[in-house]
Protein backbone atom coordinates (compact mmCIF):
# COMPACT_ATOMS: atom_id res chain seq x y z
CA LEU A 1 0.00 0.00 0.00
CA ASP A 2 1.48 3.34 -1.06
CA PHE A 3 0.44 5.71 1.71
CA ASP A 4 1.28 8.89 -0.18
CA VAL A 5 -0.92 8.00 -3.16
CA TYR A 6 -3.72 6.68 -0.94
CA ALA A 7 -3.60 9.81 1.25
CA ARG A 8 -3.86 12.06 -1.80
CA MET A 9 -6.74 9.99 -3.14
CA LEU A 10 -8.56 10.20 0.19
CA GLN A 11 -7.86 13.90 0.43
CA LYS A 12 -9.51 14.52 -2.95
CA GLY A 13 -12.62 12.71 -1.76
CA MET A 14 -12.60 14.47 1.61
CA LYS A 15 -12.17 17.97 0.11
CA GLU A 16 -15.68 17.77 -1.24
CA ALA A 17 -17.08 16.52 2.08
CA ASN A 18 -15.40 18.72 4.74
CA GLY A 19 -12.74 20.93 3.21
CA GLY A 20 -9.97 18.32 3.20
CA GLU A 21 -7.20 17.33 5.54
CA ASP A 22 -3.44 17.79 5.31
CA PRO A 23 -2.02 14.77 3.39
CA GLY A 24 0.87 14.52 5.86
CA GLU A 25 -1.51 14.11 8.79
CA LEU A 26 -3.62 11.66 6.84
CA ARG A 27 -0.50 9.64 5.94
CA LEU A 28 0.53 9.46 9.63
CA ARG A 29 -2.97 8.34 10.58
CA LEU A 30 -2.86 5.60 7.93
CA GLN A 31 0.56 4.43 9.11
CA SER A 32 -0.75 4.29 12.68
CA LEU A 33 -3.70 2.19 11.53
CA LYS A 34 -1.37 -0.14 9.61
CA ALA A 35 0.83 -0.61 12.69
CA GLU A 36 -2.23 -1.39 14.82
CA LEU A 37 -3.43 -3.99 12.30
CA ARG A 38 0.00 -5.63 12.04
CA PHE A 39 0.64 -5.70 15.81
CA PRO A 40 -2.66 -5.43 17.67
CA PHE A 41 -2.53 -4.24 21.31
CA ARG A 42 1.21 -3.43 21.12
CA ASP A 43 2.15 -0.51 23.35
CA ARG A 44 4.39 1.78 21.30
CA ARG A 45 5.35 3.97 24.26
CA GLU A 46 8.86 3.85 25.70
CA PRO A 47 9.24 1.85 28.94
CA LEU A 48 9.02 3.88 32.14
CA THR A 49 12.19 2.42 33.67
CA SER A 50 14.18 5.64 33.29
CA ALA A 51 11.65 7.58 35.38
CA LEU A 52 11.61 5.12 38.26
CA PRO A 53 13.86 5.88 41.24
CA LYS A 54 16.76 3.60 42.13
CA LYS A 55 16.15 1.01 44.87
CA ASP A 56 18.20 2.95 47.41
CA ALA A 57 16.30 6.20 46.73
CA LEU A 58 12.96 4.39 46.92
CA PHE A 59 13.95 2.74 50.22
CA THR A 60 14.94 6.14 51.65
CA ALA A 61 11.72 7.76 50.43
CA LEU A 62 9.52 5.05 51.95
CA THR A 63 11.34 4.53 55.25
CA GLY A 64 13.34 7.68 55.92
CA GLU A 65 16.42 5.50 56.35
CA SER A 66 19.52 5.28 54.20
CA LEU A 67 22.35 2.80 53.82
CA GLU A 68 24.39 4.98 56.19
CA SER A 69 21.72 5.14 58.91
CA LEU A 70 20.69 1.49 58.60
CA PRO A 71 23.68 -0.44 57.19
CA ARG A 72 23.73 -4.16 56.49
CA HIS A 73 24.43 -6.52 59.40
CA LEU A 74 23.58 -3.83 61.97
CA PRO A 75 21.94 -5.46 65.02
CA VAL A 76 18.42 -4.08 65.45
CA VAL A 77 15.54 -4.84 67.78
CA ALA A 78 12.58 -6.47 66.03
CA THR A 79 9.39 -8.31 66.89
CA VAL A 80 8.65 -11.59 65.11
CA THR A 81 5.24 -11.29 63.43
CA GLY A 82 5.16 -14.63 61.65
CA THR A 83 6.99 -17.40 59.90
CA ASP A 84 6.66 -19.06 56.52
CA GLU A 85 8.61 -21.45 54.31
CA TYR A 86 11.01 -18.64 53.32
CA GLY A 87 11.98 -17.43 56.81
CA VAL A 88 10.79 -15.15 59.58
CA LYS A 89 8.70 -11.98 59.17
CA VAL A 90 9.67 -9.17 61.54
CA LYS A 91 8.67 -5.63 62.48
CA LEU A 92 11.42 -3.25 63.57
CA THR A 93 10.64 -1.39 66.79
CA SER A 94 13.04 1.54 66.32
CA GLN A 95 12.57 2.42 62.63
CA GLY A 96 8.89 3.37 62.74
CA GLY A 97 7.58 -0.17 62.43
CA LEU A 98 9.41 -1.04 59.23
CA MET A 99 8.38 -4.54 58.13
CA GLY A 100 10.99 -7.01 56.95
CA GLN A 101 11.88 -10.64 56.43
CA ILE A 102 14.87 -12.68 57.52
CA LYS A 103 15.54 -15.49 55.07
CA LYS A 104 16.19 -18.99 56.36
CA GLN A 105 19.78 -19.03 55.14
CA ASP A 106 20.48 -15.77 57.04
CA ILE A 107 19.27 -17.05 60.42
CA ASN A 108 22.08 -17.81 62.87
CA ASP A 109 21.68 -19.76 66.14
CA SER A 110 24.61 -18.07 67.89
């Protein structure tokens, strides 16, 4: 399908009906329709990954803590709220009730 020729042909017919439409706009509309027919339901927008914050920034925004204020392996006081096949669910008492999970492989008896 030659979009330029088809757009001009449609424009001639539309001029009589409603004053016509720019052939460039009509060509873009036809290309959009063709893409939708070839790949139905495809989202042509760019993924949103660049607008999402990094994990560290998201953690700080949600909890008010940072890696400096709550580093790894820092002993903290927590209340056990449940267990499951993956480990133990806890609620920190000092960090505003931050919920967490300790995996089975990270649990130490000593």
